[in-house]
Amino acid sequence: MYGQVAGGSATVGGGALALTGFNTVWTLVAGLTLLVAGLAVMRLVPKRRRVRG
């Protein structure tokens, strides 16, 4: 009895979030998180030295 109500409200809530644009916000947040993680990894990797000659 209670599981059906919770499942139904979760489905409606997810649809409402998609309609209000929160899906786009979370996509941007995930993209920025990946970008920052990539920059952090680049700082950890030692820089290459160019050999002249």
C-alpha atoms as a PDB file:
ATOM      1  CA  MET A   1       0.000   0.000   0.000  1.00  0.00           C
ATOM      2  CA  TYR A   2       2.680   2.528   0.949  1.00  0.00           C
ATOM      3  CA  GLY A   3       5.125   1.379  -1.730  1.00  0.00           C
ATOM      4  CA  GLN A   4       2.714   2.244  -4.518  1.00  0.00           C
ATOM      5  CA  VAL A   5       2.231   5.800  -3.274  1.00  0.00           C
ATOM      6  CA  ALA A   6       5.978   6.393  -2.897  1.00  0.00           C
ATOM      7  CA  GLY A   7       6.735   4.940  -6.321  1.00  0.00           C
ATOM      8  CA  GLY A   8       4.066   7.038  -7.968  1.00  0.00           C
ATOM      9  CA  SER A   9       5.216  10.260  -6.347  1.00  0.00           C
ATOM     10  CA  ALA A  10       8.844   9.517  -7.265  1.00  0.00           C
ATOM     11  CA  THR A  11       7.840   9.057 -10.892  1.00  0.00           C
ATOM     12  CA  VAL A  12       5.841  12.273 -10.919  1.00  0.00           C
ATOM     13  CA  GLY A  13       8.652  14.124  -9.117  1.00  0.00           C
ATOM     14  CA  GLY A  14      11.228  12.948 -11.660  1.00  0.00           C
ATOM     15  CA  GLY A  15       9.035  14.066 -14.530  1.00  0.00           C
ATOM     16  CA  ALA A  16       8.476  17.448 -12.914  1.00  0.00           C
ATOM     17  CA  LEU A  17      12.225  17.950 -12.477  1.00  0.00           C
ATOM     18  CA  ALA A  18      12.789  17.158 -16.142  1.00  0.00           C
ATOM     19  CA  LEU A  19      10.161  19.699 -17.158  1.00  0.00           C
ATOM     20  CA  THR A  20      11.570  22.464 -14.947  1.00  0.00           C
ATOM     21  CA  GLY A  21      15.052  22.240 -16.437  1.00  0.00           C
ATOM     22  CA  PHE A  22      16.896  20.661 -13.525  1.00  0.00           C
ATOM     23  CA  ASN A  23      18.158  17.972 -15.875  1.00  0.00           C
ATOM     24  CA  THR A  24      20.158  20.608 -17.754  1.00  0.00           C
ATOM     25  CA  VAL A  25      21.531  22.021 -14.516  1.00  0.00           C
ATOM     26  CA  TRP A  26      22.757  18.623 -13.386  1.00  0.00           C
ATOM     27  CA  THR A  27      24.331  18.011 -16.786  1.00  0.00           C
ATOM     28  CA  LEU A  28      26.253  21.281 -16.470  1.00  0.00           C
ATOM     29  CA  VAL A  29      27.322  20.429 -12.921  1.00  0.00           C
ATOM     30  CA  ALA A  30      28.581  17.021 -14.061  1.00  0.00           C
ATOM     31  CA  GLY A  31      30.460  18.591 -16.975  1.00  0.00           C
ATOM     32  CA  LEU A  32      32.147  21.160 -14.765  1.00  0.00           C
ATOM     33  CA  THR A  33      33.074  18.447 -12.277  1.00  0.00           C
ATOM     34  CA  LEU A  34      34.740  16.425 -15.034  1.00  0.00           C
ATOM     35  CA  LEU A  35      36.572  19.507 -16.284  1.00  0.00           C
ATOM     36  CA  VAL A  36      37.913  20.351 -12.826  1.00  0.00           C
ATOM     37  CA  ALA A  37      38.941  16.725 -12.271  1.00  0.00           C
ATOM     38  CA  GLY A  38      40.807  16.751 -15.592  1.00  0.00           C
ATOM     39  CA  LEU A  39      42.627  19.952 -14.669  1.00  0.00           C
ATOM     40  CA  ALA A  40      43.610  18.445 -11.319  1.00  0.00           C
ATOM     41  CA  VAL A  41      45.061  15.389 -13.063  1.00  0.00           C
ATOM     42  CA  MET A  42      46.988  17.638 -15.464  1.00  0.00           C
ATOM     43  CA  ARG A  43      48.589  19.388 -12.501  1.00  0.00           C
ATOM     44  CA  LEU A  44      49.723  16.045 -11.084  1.00  0.00           C
ATOM     45  CA  VAL A  45      51.371  14.849 -14.302  1.00  0.00           C
ATOM     46  CA  PRO A  46      54.988  16.017 -14.593  1.00  0.00           C
ATOM     47  CA  LYS A  47      55.729  18.424 -17.444  1.00  0.00           C
ATOM     48  CA  ARG A  48      57.865  17.253 -20.343  1.00  0.00           C
ATOM     49  CA  ARG A  49      61.184  18.967 -20.923  1.00  0.00           C
ATOM     50  CA  ARG A  50      62.177  19.688 -24.481  1.00  0.00           C
ATOM     51  CA  VAL A  51      65.557  18.363 -25.489  1.00  0.00           C
ATOM     52  CA  ARG A  52      67.466  20.737 -27.744  1.00  0.00           C
ATOM     53  CA  GLY A  53      69.741  19.477 -30.367  1.00  0.00           C
END
